[in-house]
Amino acid sequence: MQGGPPVRDRQWDSQYEAGRVPRQRQRYTQTGGGGMTPDDYGNGDEGGQSPRPRKKRRVLKWFTVCLSLLILATAGAGYFYLEHLNGNLGKDVLNLGDSKLDKSDPNAAGQTPMNILLLGSDSRSSKKNVELGGARGDRERPPLADVQMLLHVSADRSNISVVSIPRDTKATIPKCTDPESQKVYPKTTDKINTSLQHGGPGCTVATWEELTGIPIDHFMMIDFAGVVSMADAVGGVPVCVDNNVYDPQSKLRLKKGKSVVKGEQALHWLRTRHGFGDGSDIGRARAQHMYMNSMVRQLKAGTKLSDPGKMRDLAEAATEALTVDEGLGSVKKLYDLGNDLKRVPTKRITMATMPWQYAPGGYVVPKKDDADNTFALIRNDIALDGKDKKKADAKKPQPSEATEPESEIPVRVMNGTGSALQPPVSGRAGVISEELGRKGFAQATADQTPKSQADTTISYPREGERGNALAVAKAIGLPESSVKHSSGVEGVTLVIGSDWREGTAYPKDAGAPGKKQENKAPDSADALRGDDDKACMEVNPANVW
């Protein structure tokens, strides 16, 4: 590897980020050069300095200069190694659609949730990927995104929710433009895994935003070779099956009970479909959840990362394996993201699959209500495990009545009815602001700033304004659960979402199901907790050996 001494000698991850100075350099700086004291220089006689001490000082001066150059060279090696890792990363555009959802609003404390789309590509673009993925005839075929998971990190970083969508899900893929060739892919309906072929991962992001109403902040994509190298770098991942399993398609062969899979065997586990459950993609999603949870437990335990050499191997494997959006396109940004994620306790990580049902044509489709409820929980930053603690301010008496006369409450009304597939309803903010005026809110005004949001919400910036926001909600028939405390607004703000495209009263059946049902993932989401180390994959009887 080029760029200087090994990582274990440079400690690049702690020394060269954010302008930090290596400890060795600090030590020499603090002591004036190798820990030498003034007595080491020689003070000479009272009448003057002898030539010998001056020679000592010249020697010391050159020693200090050489040492400084050595330190700078070492620091430069660390810098160039970071640049090397940055160069390993593939980078692509986040969203290739014409319309994008606005980012999530911050909560009362100014914290913002984060949504990252995780993609597994079946690309055969390299010799290694062909060897691992087979199907050499597919080498020239554009890759498919056969693994798709949304990782939602809560605003307060107390929990993570992951939702998989089966690769055969029927989805409307919006018009996307390839950023390199400028080829325009028209809007179409197809299996969601084909969205990757419409210009890249940015089109899959656009498809997810349209299907779920969840704004995507980042994406990370990995291929076959990346899975193998990362599994090797962490020393293997423990998995479990309830019977001997052999899947000739994926080549997975394991004995009943627990095993540690690494390298190609890890890839076989993640690709296995026929060997698990009913032999469909649904069983594969659960196996992937088990694998990810187990890997997280391995990494959090720290046993695989105590050796700096293994840390270097993992850094190399991870950066070579990943394609990310430009917002995550550096080791520093990925490092910061990792620090965010590691704050979440394993027991507060929940992995689920979009509730689904079979449909004609070999498709699966979202299961009505249950899928809507799951996506609404994510949109509203509610943990899938149902264990969200009540916010501290929720325990205090909350203002339930307006603190000002309705005629004196300023209300900002915004039109968020546009989506990736539907243009905004023209004049919607004006219609609702006029309706509020008729109901006594004389200070309601329409804000023409473009907006795109799935759920209609009312936000207020200060606790004392909750009563005012509730008064607005009551006037238009919006449920109380749609009223939110947010530091991202300056006054009471009503955003009309794509769930309310017509009429002057909020439709009673339009509210997101997550606001009406129990605040946790439905049973049909097949949720799995991150600390469940007893989970075992059910083997398809047709694949028992």
Protein backbone atom coordinates (compact mmCIF):
# COMPACT_ATOMS: atom_id res chain seq x y z
CA MET A 1 0.00 0.00 0.00
CA GLN A 2 1.28 3.43 -0.86
CA GLY A 3 1.28 6.48 1.34
CA GLY A 4 3.62 5.73 4.25
CA PRO A 5 3.82 3.34 7.18
CA PRO A 6 0.97 1.00 8.16
CA VAL A 7 -2.06 2.38 9.94
CA ARG A 8 -1.08 0.68 13.15
CA ASP A 9 1.99 2.94 13.20
CA ARG A 10 0.16 6.09 12.19
CA GLN A 11 -3.09 5.86 14.18
CA TRP A 12 -4.70 7.79 11.28
CA ASP A 13 -8.23 7.56 12.59
CA SER A 14 -7.52 9.58 15.73
CA GLN A 15 -4.61 11.82 14.77
CA TYR A 16 -5.27 13.32 11.39
CA GLU A 17 -8.98 14.02 11.46
CA ALA A 18 -10.17 17.51 12.33
CA GLY A 19 -6.63 18.91 12.46
CA ARG A 20 -5.55 17.00 15.55
CA VAL A 21 -1.82 16.85 16.30
CA PRO A 22 -0.19 13.44 16.85
CA ARG A 23 0.70 12.72 20.45
CA GLN A 24 4.36 12.28 19.51
CA ARG A 25 4.44 15.77 18.04
CA GLN A 26 2.77 17.22 21.13
CA ARG A 27 5.37 15.58 23.36
CA TYR A 28 8.30 17.15 21.51
CA THR A 29 6.57 20.50 21.33
CA GLN A 30 5.87 20.57 25.06
CA THR A 31 9.46 19.76 26.09
CA GLY A 32 11.34 21.91 23.58
CA GLY A 33 12.78 19.00 21.59
CA GLY A 34 13.03 15.42 22.72
CA GLY A 35 12.33 16.30 26.37
CA MET A 36 15.62 18.25 26.74
CA THR A 37 15.87 20.83 29.47
CA PRO A 38 17.89 24.09 29.46
CA ASP A 39 20.67 22.31 31.38
CA ASP A 40 21.14 19.98 28.43
CA TYR A 41 22.13 22.91 26.24
CA GLY A 42 25.13 23.90 28.44
CA ASN A 43 25.29 27.35 30.05
CA GLY A 44 29.05 27.90 29.80
CA ASP A 45 31.15 30.05 32.13
CA GLU A 46 29.98 33.23 33.72
CA GLY A 47 32.16 35.28 31.44
CA GLY A 48 30.67 33.93 28.22
CA GLN A 49 29.75 30.83 26.24
CA SER A 50 32.34 28.38 24.99
CA PRO A 51 32.38 27.12 21.37
CA ARG A 52 31.35 23.64 22.49
CA PRO A 53 27.93 24.69 23.79
CA ARG A 54 27.38 26.67 20.56
CA LYS A 55 28.17 23.51 18.62
CA LYS A 56 25.76 21.65 20.83
CA ARG A 57 23.10 24.21 20.00
CA ARG A 58 23.85 23.92 16.26
CA VAL A 59 23.61 20.14 16.50
CA LEU A 60 20.42 20.46 18.49
CA LYS A 61 19.03 22.93 15.97
CA TRP A 62 19.66 20.57 13.09
CA PHE A 63 18.31 17.68 15.14
CA THR A 64 15.13 19.68 15.80
CA VAL A 65 14.76 20.63 12.12
CA CYS A 66 15.21 17.01 11.02
CA LEU A 67 12.79 15.81 13.65
CA SER A 68 10.23 18.39 12.56
CA LEU A 69 10.58 17.26 8.95
CA LEU A 70 10.16 13.65 10.04
CA ILE A 71 6.98 14.50 11.95
CA LEU A 72 5.61 16.46 9.01
CA ALA A 73 6.38 13.56 6.68
CA THR A 74 4.56 11.15 9.00
CA ALA A 75 1.59 13.50 9.24
CA GLY A 76 1.64 13.80 5.45
CA ALA A 77 1.61 10.03 5.16
CA GLY A 78 -1.50 9.96 7.33
CA TYR A 79 -3.10 12.63 5.17
CA PHE A 80 -2.29 10.76 1.97
CA TYR A 81 -3.65 7.52 3.44
CA LEU A 82 -6.92 9.27 4.21
CA GLU A 83 -6.97 10.58 0.65
CA HIS A 84 -6.31 7.01 -0.50
CA LEU A 85 -9.35 5.80 1.46
CA ASN A 86 -11.44 8.69 0.15
CA GLY A 87 -10.41 7.66 -3.36
CA ASN A 88 -11.65 4.11 -2.70
CA LEU A 89 -15.19 5.36 -2.21
CA GLY A 90 -17.55 5.38 -5.18
CA LYS A 91 -19.76 8.48 -5.28
CA ASP A 92 -23.05 9.17 -7.03
CA VAL A 93 -25.93 11.65 -7.04
CA LEU A 94 -28.44 11.27 -4.19
CA ASN A 95 -31.73 11.75 -6.05
CA LEU A 96 -32.26 11.60 -9.83
CA GLY A 97 -35.97 12.43 -9.80
CA ASP A 98 -37.50 15.74 -10.85
CA SER A 99 -39.17 16.28 -7.46
CA LYS A 100 -37.73 15.61 -4.02
CA LEU A 101 -39.31 15.52 -0.58
CA ASP A 102 -38.22 18.21 1.85
CA LYS A 103 -35.98 17.02 4.66
CA SER A 104 -37.42 16.14 8.06
CA ASP A 105 -37.98 19.03 10.45
CA PRO A 106 -35.94 19.19 13.66
CA ASN A 107 -37.61 18.39 16.96
CA ALA A 108 -37.99 20.81 19.87
CA ALA A 109 -34.32 20.34 20.83
CA GLY A 110 -33.11 21.09 17.31
CA GLN A 111 -32.26 17.43 16.59
CA THR A 112 -33.10 16.00 13.17
CA PRO A 113 -33.76 12.35 12.26
CA MET A 114 -31.68 10.75 9.52
CA ASN A 115 -32.80 8.31 6.81
CA ILE A 116 -30.20 6.24 4.93
CA LEU A 117 -31.12 3.88 2.09
CA LEU A 118 -28.94 0.73 2.13
CA LEU A 119 -28.68 -1.05 -1.23
CA GLY A 120 -27.17 -4.38 -2.22
CA SER A 121 -26.23 -4.50 -5.92
CA ASP A 122 -25.94 -7.72 -7.95
CA SER A 123 -23.46 -6.05 -10.30
CA ARG A 124 -21.24 -8.40 -12.33
CA SER A 125 -19.14 -5.53 -13.63
CA SER A 126 -15.88 -6.99 -12.29
CA LYS A 127 -14.24 -10.40 -12.64
CA LYS A 128 -14.54 -10.92 -8.87
CA ASN A 129 -18.27 -10.14 -8.89
CA VAL A 130 -18.81 -12.58 -11.76
CA GLU A 131 -16.96 -15.30 -9.84
CA LEU A 132 -19.04 -14.66 -6.73
CA GLY A 133 -22.40 -14.04 -8.38
CA GLY A 134 -22.22 -16.60 -11.14
CA ALA A 135 -24.39 -16.00 -14.23
CA ARG A 136 -21.54 -14.90 -16.48
CA GLY A 137 -24.11 -14.19 -19.17
CA ASP A 138 -25.37 -11.37 -16.96
CA ARG A 139 -22.02 -9.58 -16.96
CA GLU A 140 -23.22 -6.90 -19.38
CA ARG A 141 -26.64 -6.60 -17.73
CA PRO A 142 -27.20 -3.41 -15.73
CA PRO A 143 -27.23 -4.28 -12.01
CA LEU A 144 -30.35 -4.75 -9.93
CA ALA A 145 -30.81 -3.55 -6.35
CA ASP A 146 -31.91 -6.87 -4.89
CA VAL A 147 -31.40 -5.72 -1.28
CA GLN A 148 -33.13 -2.51 -0.20
CA MET A 149 -33.36 -1.37 3.43
CA LEU A 150 -34.14 2.00 4.91
CA LEU A 151 -32.15 2.78 8.07
CA HIS A 152 -33.90 5.42 10.18
CA VAL A 153 -31.91 7.00 13.01
CA SER A 154 -34.15 8.85 15.46
CA ALA A 155 -33.65 12.56 16.02
CA ASP A 156 -32.42 12.04 19.59
CA ARG A 157 -30.22 9.10 18.47
CA SER A 158 -31.93 6.82 21.00
CA ASN A 159 -33.06 4.18 18.48
CA ILE A 160 -32.69 2.84 14.95
CA SER A 161 -35.47 1.35 12.82
CA VAL A 162 -34.72 -0.58 9.64
CA VAL A 163 -37.39 -1.43 7.05
CA SER A 164 -36.73 -3.77 4.11
CA ILE A 165 -38.76 -3.76 0.92
CA PRO A 166 -38.88 -7.04 -1.03
CA ARG A 167 -37.13 -6.81 -4.39
CA ASP A 168 -40.31 -7.87 -6.27
CA THR A 169 -42.41 -5.04 -4.86
CA LYS A 170 -44.50 -3.40 -7.57
CA ALA A 171 -43.58 0.28 -7.63
CA THR A 172 -43.99 3.36 -9.75
CA ILE A 173 -40.49 4.41 -10.79
CA PRO A 174 -40.51 8.16 -11.46
CA LYS A 175 -38.78 9.82 -14.39
CA CYS A 176 -35.03 9.84 -13.75
CA THR A 177 -32.10 11.38 -15.59
CA ASP A 178 -28.70 9.68 -15.68
CA PRO A 179 -26.23 12.31 -14.39
CA GLU A 180 -23.41 11.09 -16.66
CA SER A 181 -25.06 10.26 -19.98
CA GLN A 182 -28.01 12.62 -19.47
CA LYS A 183 -30.27 9.79 -20.70
CA VAL A 184 -33.84 10.32 -19.52
CA TYR A 185 -35.72 7.27 -18.24
CA PRO A 186 -39.49 7.85 -18.41
CA LYS A 187 -41.84 7.08 -15.55
CA THR A 188 -42.80 3.40 -15.46
CA THR A 189 -44.22 0.66 -13.25
CA ASP A 190 -41.97 -2.31 -12.50
CA LYS A 191 -40.33 -4.31 -9.71
CA ILE A 192 -38.53 -1.94 -7.36
CA ASN A 193 -35.16 -3.65 -7.84
CA THR A 194 -35.08 -2.47 -11.48
CA SER A 195 -35.01 1.18 -10.39
CA LEU A 196 -31.21 0.94 -10.13
CA GLN A 197 -31.10 0.46 -13.92
CA HIS A 198 -32.70 3.89 -14.46
CA GLY A 199 -29.56 5.95 -14.02
CA GLY A 200 -28.18 4.61 -10.75
CA PRO A 201 -28.95 4.53 -7.01
CA GLY A 202 -30.37 8.05 -7.16
CA CYS A 203 -33.40 6.69 -9.04
CA THR A 204 -33.94 4.04 -6.36
CA VAL A 205 -33.91 6.88 -3.81
CA ALA A 206 -36.52 8.77 -5.85
CA THR A 207 -38.65 5.60 -6.06
CA TRP A 208 -38.50 5.09 -2.28
CA GLU A 209 -39.53 8.67 -1.58
CA GLU A 210 -42.54 8.27 -3.85
CA LEU A 211 -43.58 4.90 -2.42
CA THR A 212 -43.09 5.69 1.28
CA GLY A 213 -43.30 9.48 1.66
CA ILE A 214 -40.07 9.29 3.68
CA PRO A 215 -37.36 11.84 2.79
CA ILE A 216 -34.01 10.12 2.12
CA ASP A 217 -30.88 11.89 3.39
CA HIS A 218 -28.20 9.47 2.15
CA PHE A 219 -27.63 6.14 0.43
CA MET A 220 -24.93 3.46 0.73
CA MET A 221 -24.57 0.68 -1.87
CA ILE A 222 -22.41 -2.47 -1.69
CA ASP A 223 -21.72 -5.24 -4.26
CA PHE A 224 -20.92 -8.98 -3.99
CA ALA A 225 -17.18 -8.53 -3.54
CA GLY A 226 -17.76 -5.90 -0.88
CA VAL A 227 -19.91 -8.23 1.21
CA VAL A 228 -17.20 -10.89 1.13
CA SER A 229 -14.33 -8.56 2.01
CA MET A 230 -16.21 -6.87 4.86
CA ALA A 231 -17.31 -10.21 6.32
CA ASP A 232 -13.66 -11.29 6.31
CA ALA A 233 -12.52 -8.03 7.85
CA VAL A 234 -14.76 -8.40 10.92
CA GLY A 235 -13.70 -12.02 11.39
CA GLY A 236 -17.03 -13.63 10.55
CA VAL A 237 -20.63 -13.24 11.69
CA PRO A 238 -22.58 -15.74 13.88
CA VAL A 239 -25.83 -17.06 12.34
CA CYS A 240 -28.30 -19.82 13.20
CA VAL A 241 -30.58 -22.27 11.34
CA ASP A 242 -33.18 -24.60 12.86
CA ASN A 243 -32.21 -27.50 10.57
CA ASN A 244 -29.48 -28.61 8.18
CA VAL A 245 -29.84 -26.41 5.10
CA TYR A 246 -28.56 -26.62 1.53
CA ASP A 247 -29.61 -24.18 -1.16
CA PRO A 248 -28.06 -25.22 -4.51
CA GLN A 249 -28.77 -21.82 -6.02
CA SER A 250 -26.95 -19.73 -3.41
CA LYS A 251 -24.58 -22.62 -2.48
CA LEU A 252 -25.29 -22.17 1.23
CA ARG A 253 -24.71 -25.35 3.23
CA LEU A 254 -24.88 -25.24 7.04
CA LYS A 255 -25.54 -27.69 9.84
CA LYS A 256 -28.35 -27.17 12.30
CA GLY A 257 -27.58 -24.69 15.04
CA LYS A 258 -25.13 -21.79 15.20
CA SER A 259 -22.30 -21.20 12.75
CA VAL A 260 -19.92 -18.35 11.99
CA VAL A 261 -20.03 -17.34 8.34
CA LYS A 262 -17.36 -15.27 6.63
CA GLY A 263 -16.13 -14.59 3.12
CA GLU A 264 -18.13 -16.27 0.38
CA GLN A 265 -20.21 -18.18 2.91
CA ALA A 266 -21.49 -14.86 4.27
CA LEU A 267 -22.53 -13.91 0.75
CA HIS A 268 -24.27 -17.28 0.35
CA TRP A 269 -26.23 -16.58 3.54
CA LEU A 270 -27.33 -13.15 2.38
CA ARG A 271 -28.33 -14.43 -1.08
CA THR A 272 -30.24 -17.51 0.08
CA ARG A 273 -33.92 -17.43 -0.85
CA HIS A 274 -35.10 -20.99 -1.55
CA GLY A 275 -33.53 -22.39 1.63
CA PHE A 276 -35.45 -20.21 4.09
CA GLY A 277 -39.11 -19.85 5.02
CA ASP A 278 -41.44 -20.40 2.09
CA GLY A 279 -38.61 -20.05 -0.41
CA SER A 280 -39.50 -16.47 -1.30
CA ASP A 281 -37.64 -13.19 -1.01
CA ILE A 282 -39.42 -12.57 2.30
CA GLY A 283 -37.41 -15.24 4.12
CA ARG A 284 -34.23 -13.83 2.62
CA ALA A 285 -35.04 -10.41 4.10
CA ARG A 286 -35.36 -11.88 7.58
CA ALA A 287 -32.04 -13.73 7.17
CA GLN A 288 -30.42 -10.44 6.18
CA HIS A 289 -31.86 -8.79 9.29
CA MET A 290 -30.42 -11.54 11.49
CA TYR A 291 -27.03 -11.14 9.82
CA MET A 292 -26.99 -7.36 10.25
CA ASN A 293 -28.06 -7.55 13.89
CA SER A 294 -25.37 -10.14 14.56
CA MET A 295 -22.71 -8.04 12.83
CA VAL A 296 -23.73 -5.00 14.87
CA ARG A 297 -23.38 -7.05 18.07
CA GLN A 298 -19.92 -8.17 16.90
CA LEU A 299 -18.78 -4.64 16.17
CA LYS A 300 -20.21 -3.22 19.39
CA ALA A 301 -18.44 -5.92 21.37
CA GLY A 302 -15.21 -4.57 19.91
CA THR A 303 -13.47 -7.94 19.87
CA LYS A 304 -12.83 -7.81 16.14
CA LEU A 305 -11.50 -4.27 16.11
CA SER A 306 -8.91 -4.35 18.90
CA ASP A 307 -6.06 -4.98 16.43
CA PRO A 308 -5.13 -1.83 14.44
CA GLY A 309 -4.24 -4.09 11.53
CA LYS A 310 -7.78 -5.43 11.44
CA MET A 311 -9.05 -1.87 11.71
CA ARG A 312 -7.01 -1.04 8.63
CA ASP A 313 -8.36 -4.08 6.79
CA LEU A 314 -11.91 -3.10 7.66
CA ALA A 315 -11.29 0.49 6.51
CA GLU A 316 -9.91 -0.78 3.20
CA ALA A 317 -12.72 -3.30 2.73
CA ALA A 318 -15.46 -0.84 3.63
CA THR A 319 -14.26 2.02 1.44
CA GLU A 320 -13.56 -0.22 -1.55
CA ALA A 321 -16.97 -1.86 -1.22
CA LEU A 322 -19.13 1.24 -0.97
CA THR A 323 -20.77 3.66 -3.33
CA VAL A 324 -22.29 6.57 -1.42
CA ASP A 325 -24.01 9.85 -2.15
CA GLU A 326 -21.85 12.93 -2.33
CA GLY A 327 -23.00 13.99 1.14
CA LEU A 328 -21.24 10.91 2.60
CA GLY A 329 -18.33 10.98 0.19
CA SER A 330 -15.40 11.06 2.63
CA VAL A 331 -13.94 8.94 5.41
CA LYS A 332 -14.46 11.81 7.86
CA LYS A 333 -18.20 11.94 7.11
CA LEU A 334 -18.53 8.17 7.39
CA TYR A 335 -16.59 8.26 10.66
CA ASP A 336 -18.96 10.90 12.04
CA LEU A 337 -21.93 8.82 10.90
CA GLY A 338 -20.48 5.78 12.65
CA ASN A 339 -20.17 7.76 15.87
CA ASP A 340 -23.84 8.70 15.57
CA LEU A 341 -24.90 5.09 15.02
CA LYS A 342 -22.82 3.57 17.81
CA ARG A 343 -24.64 5.72 20.36
CA VAL A 344 -27.75 3.61 19.84
CA PRO A 345 -28.07 0.62 22.23
CA THR A 346 -28.36 -2.74 20.47
CA LYS A 347 -31.68 -3.40 22.20
CA ARG A 348 -33.14 -0.29 20.54
CA ILE A 349 -32.35 -1.45 17.00
CA THR A 350 -35.40 -2.92 15.27
CA MET A 351 -35.42 -4.55 11.84
CA ALA A 352 -38.66 -5.15 9.97
CA THR A 353 -40.03 -5.92 6.51
CA MET A 354 -42.66 -3.83 4.78
CA PRO A 355 -46.00 -5.59 5.32
CA TRP A 356 -46.86 -7.11 1.95
CA GLN A 357 -49.16 -9.35 0.00
CA TYR A 358 -48.85 -11.22 -3.30
CA ALA A 359 -50.20 -9.66 -6.49
CA PRO A 360 -50.68 -10.90 -10.08
CA GLY A 361 -47.65 -10.88 -12.36
CA GLY A 362 -45.14 -12.18 -9.82
CA TYR A 363 -45.28 -8.98 -7.79
CA VAL A 364 -45.75 -8.26 -4.13
CA VAL A 365 -47.49 -5.04 -3.09
CA PRO A 366 -47.67 -3.11 0.18
CA LYS A 367 -50.33 -4.46 2.52
CA LYS A 368 -52.92 -1.75 2.92
CA ASP A 369 -52.99 -0.03 6.32
CA ASP A 370 -50.14 -2.10 7.82
CA ALA A 371 -47.58 -0.83 5.30
CA ASP A 372 -48.96 2.71 5.56
CA ASN A 373 -48.72 2.50 9.34
CA THR A 374 -45.10 1.31 9.20
CA PHE A 375 -44.03 4.12 6.87
CA ALA A 376 -45.96 6.70 8.92
CA LEU A 377 -44.08 5.66 12.06
CA ILE A 378 -40.80 6.37 10.27
CA ARG A 379 -42.05 9.68 8.90
CA ASN A 380 -43.11 10.76 12.37
CA ASP A 381 -39.88 9.55 14.04
CA ILE A 382 -41.63 6.92 16.16
CA ALA A 383 -39.59 3.80 16.98
CA LEU A 384 -40.81 0.51 15.50
CA ASP A 385 -40.14 -1.28 18.80
CA GLY A 386 -42.93 0.65 20.59
CA LYS A 387 -40.56 1.56 23.42
CA ASP A 388 -40.20 5.28 22.88
CA LYS A 389 -40.11 7.02 26.21
CA LYS A 390 -42.43 9.93 26.69
CA LYS A 391 -40.59 13.14 25.99
CA ALA A 392 -39.62 15.10 29.08
CA ASP A 393 -41.85 18.02 28.15
CA ALA A 394 -44.78 15.67 27.61
CA LYS A 395 -44.84 15.02 31.36
CA LYS A 396 -45.38 18.69 32.05
CA PRO A 397 -48.82 20.26 31.80
CA GLN A 398 -49.23 21.17 28.14
CA PRO A 399 -51.13 24.28 27.02
CA SER A 400 -54.38 23.01 25.51
CA GLU A 401 -56.06 26.33 24.85
CA ALA A 402 -54.98 29.27 22.76
CA THR A 403 -53.01 31.88 24.68
CA GLU A 404 -54.08 34.60 22.24
CA PRO A 405 -57.37 35.46 20.52
CA GLU A 406 -57.69 33.55 17.24
CA SER A 407 -57.65 36.82 15.31
CA GLU A 408 -54.17 37.62 16.67
CA ILE A 409 -52.49 34.24 16.05
CA PRO A 410 -50.08 34.45 13.09
CA VAL A 411 -50.37 31.27 10.99
CA ARG A 412 -48.03 30.48 8.12
CA VAL A 413 -49.64 28.13 5.56
CA MET A 414 -47.45 26.20 3.09
CA ASN A 415 -48.35 23.96 0.15
CA GLY A 416 -46.59 20.59 0.45
CA THR A 417 -48.91 18.62 -1.85
CA GLY A 418 -46.32 17.92 -4.56
CA SER A 419 -44.55 14.57 -4.79
CA ALA A 420 -42.29 12.69 -7.20
CA LEU A 421 -45.30 11.69 -9.28
CA GLN A 422 -47.88 14.37 -8.52
CA PRO A 423 -47.43 18.08 -9.10
CA PRO A 424 -48.49 20.38 -6.26
CA VAL A 425 -52.12 21.48 -6.25
CA SER A 426 -51.88 25.07 -7.38
CA GLY A 427 -53.11 27.67 -4.88
CA ARG A 428 -53.63 25.16 -2.09
CA ALA A 429 -51.97 27.32 0.59
CA GLY A 430 -54.15 30.28 -0.42
CA VAL A 431 -57.35 28.24 -0.22
CA ILE A 432 -56.62 26.98 3.30
CA SER A 433 -55.35 30.35 4.58
CA GLU A 434 -58.60 31.94 3.35
CA GLU A 435 -60.62 29.21 5.09
CA LEU A 436 -58.74 29.89 8.33
CA GLY A 437 -59.50 33.59 7.87
CA ARG A 438 -63.20 32.78 7.63
CA LYS A 439 -62.88 30.84 10.88
CA GLY A 440 -61.43 33.84 12.68
CA PHE A 441 -57.67 33.45 12.10
CA ALA A 442 -57.19 36.84 10.52
CA GLN A 443 -53.38 36.56 10.63
CA ALA A 444 -53.26 33.41 8.43
CA THR A 445 -51.10 33.98 5.35
CA ALA A 446 -50.07 31.79 2.41
CA ASP A 447 -46.33 31.18 1.96
CA GLN A 448 -45.46 30.38 -1.65
CA THR A 449 -42.11 28.70 -0.82
CA PRO A 450 -42.02 25.29 -2.61
CA LYS A 451 -42.53 22.38 -0.23
CA SER A 452 -43.06 18.62 -0.51
CA GLN A 453 -44.37 16.55 2.40
CA ALA A 454 -46.47 13.41 2.81
CA ASP A 455 -48.35 14.23 6.03
CA THR A 456 -50.17 17.42 6.92
CA THR A 457 -48.67 18.90 10.09
CA ILE A 458 -48.85 21.96 12.31
CA SER A 459 -45.60 22.98 14.01
CA TYR A 460 -44.90 25.51 16.74
CA PRO A 461 -41.52 26.78 18.00
CA ARG A 462 -42.17 27.42 21.70
CA GLU A 463 -44.01 25.40 24.31
CA GLY A 464 -46.32 28.29 25.11
CA GLU A 465 -47.65 28.26 21.53
CA ARG A 466 -48.97 24.71 21.64
CA GLY A 467 -52.44 25.92 22.54
CA ASN A 468 -52.44 28.26 19.53
CA ALA A 469 -51.40 25.39 17.23
CA LEU A 470 -54.11 23.14 18.65
CA ALA A 471 -56.70 25.84 17.99
CA VAL A 472 -55.66 25.92 14.32
CA ALA A 473 -55.79 22.11 14.14
CA LYS A 474 -59.28 22.04 15.61
CA ALA A 475 -60.50 24.63 13.12
CA ILE A 476 -59.57 22.48 10.11
CA GLY A 477 -60.24 19.04 11.62
CA LEU A 478 -56.59 17.97 11.94
CA PRO A 479 -55.90 15.37 14.69
CA GLU A 480 -53.96 16.49 17.75
CA SER A 481 -51.19 14.00 16.96
CA SER A 482 -50.33 16.09 13.89
CA VAL A 483 -49.34 19.04 16.09
CA LYS A 484 -45.57 19.07 16.68
CA HIS A 485 -43.03 21.06 18.66
CA SER A 486 -40.19 22.01 16.27
CA SER A 487 -37.24 24.36 16.47
CA GLY A 488 -37.29 24.65 12.68
CA VAL A 489 -40.20 27.11 12.48
CA GLU A 490 -40.56 30.70 13.62
CA GLY A 491 -44.27 30.64 14.44
CA VAL A 492 -47.32 28.39 14.08
CA THR A 493 -46.81 26.75 10.68
CA LEU A 494 -49.31 24.60 8.78
CA VAL A 495 -47.89 22.44 5.97
CA ILE A 496 -50.57 20.91 3.77
CA GLY A 497 -49.28 17.48 2.81
CA SER A 498 -50.00 15.25 -0.15
CA ASP A 499 -52.62 13.51 2.02
CA TRP A 500 -54.89 16.60 1.70
CA ARG A 501 -55.07 17.67 -1.91
CA GLU A 502 -58.63 19.00 -1.94
CA GLY A 503 -61.34 20.42 0.30
CA THR A 504 -61.22 22.92 3.15
CA ALA A 505 -61.59 20.42 6.01
CA TYR A 506 -59.01 17.73 6.65
CA PRO A 507 -60.51 14.38 5.55
CA LYS A 508 -61.27 12.14 8.51
CA ASP A 509 -59.85 9.09 6.75
CA ALA A 510 -56.74 10.86 5.44
CA GLY A 511 -54.59 10.84 8.57
CA ALA A 512 -51.55 8.60 8.51
CA PRO A 513 -52.48 5.23 10.09
CA GLY A 514 -49.48 5.55 12.40
CA LYS A 515 -51.34 8.37 14.14
CA LYS A 516 -54.42 6.24 14.79
CA GLN A 517 -53.03 2.81 15.65
CA GLU A 518 -50.61 1.51 18.24
CA ASN A 519 -47.24 3.23 17.96
CA LYS A 520 -45.13 0.23 17.04
CA ALA A 521 -44.56 -1.97 13.99
CA PRO A 522 -47.56 -4.19 13.14
CA ASP A 523 -47.15 -7.94 13.57
CA SER A 524 -47.10 -8.35 9.78
CA ALA A 525 -43.80 -6.40 9.68
CA ASP A 526 -42.05 -9.40 11.29
CA ALA A 527 -39.90 -7.16 13.49
CA LEU A 528 -36.63 -8.42 14.98
CA ARG A 529 -34.78 -6.74 17.85
CA GLY A 530 -31.06 -6.09 17.63
CA ASP A 531 -30.24 -7.83 20.91
CA ASP A 532 -32.11 -11.05 20.01
CA ASP A 533 -29.20 -13.48 19.83
CA LYS A 534 -31.52 -16.51 20.11
CA ALA A 535 -33.21 -16.00 16.73
CA CYS A 536 -32.81 -18.89 14.26
CA MET A 537 -33.80 -19.04 10.59
CA GLU A 538 -36.57 -21.47 9.74
CA VAL A 539 -35.31 -23.79 6.99
CA ASN A 540 -37.55 -24.61 4.04
CA PRO A 541 -38.34 -28.37 4.31
CA ALA A 542 -37.49 -28.79 0.62
CA ASN A 543 -33.92 -27.70 1.34
CA VAL A 544 -33.07 -29.88 4.35
CA TRP A 545 -30.18 -32.31 3.98
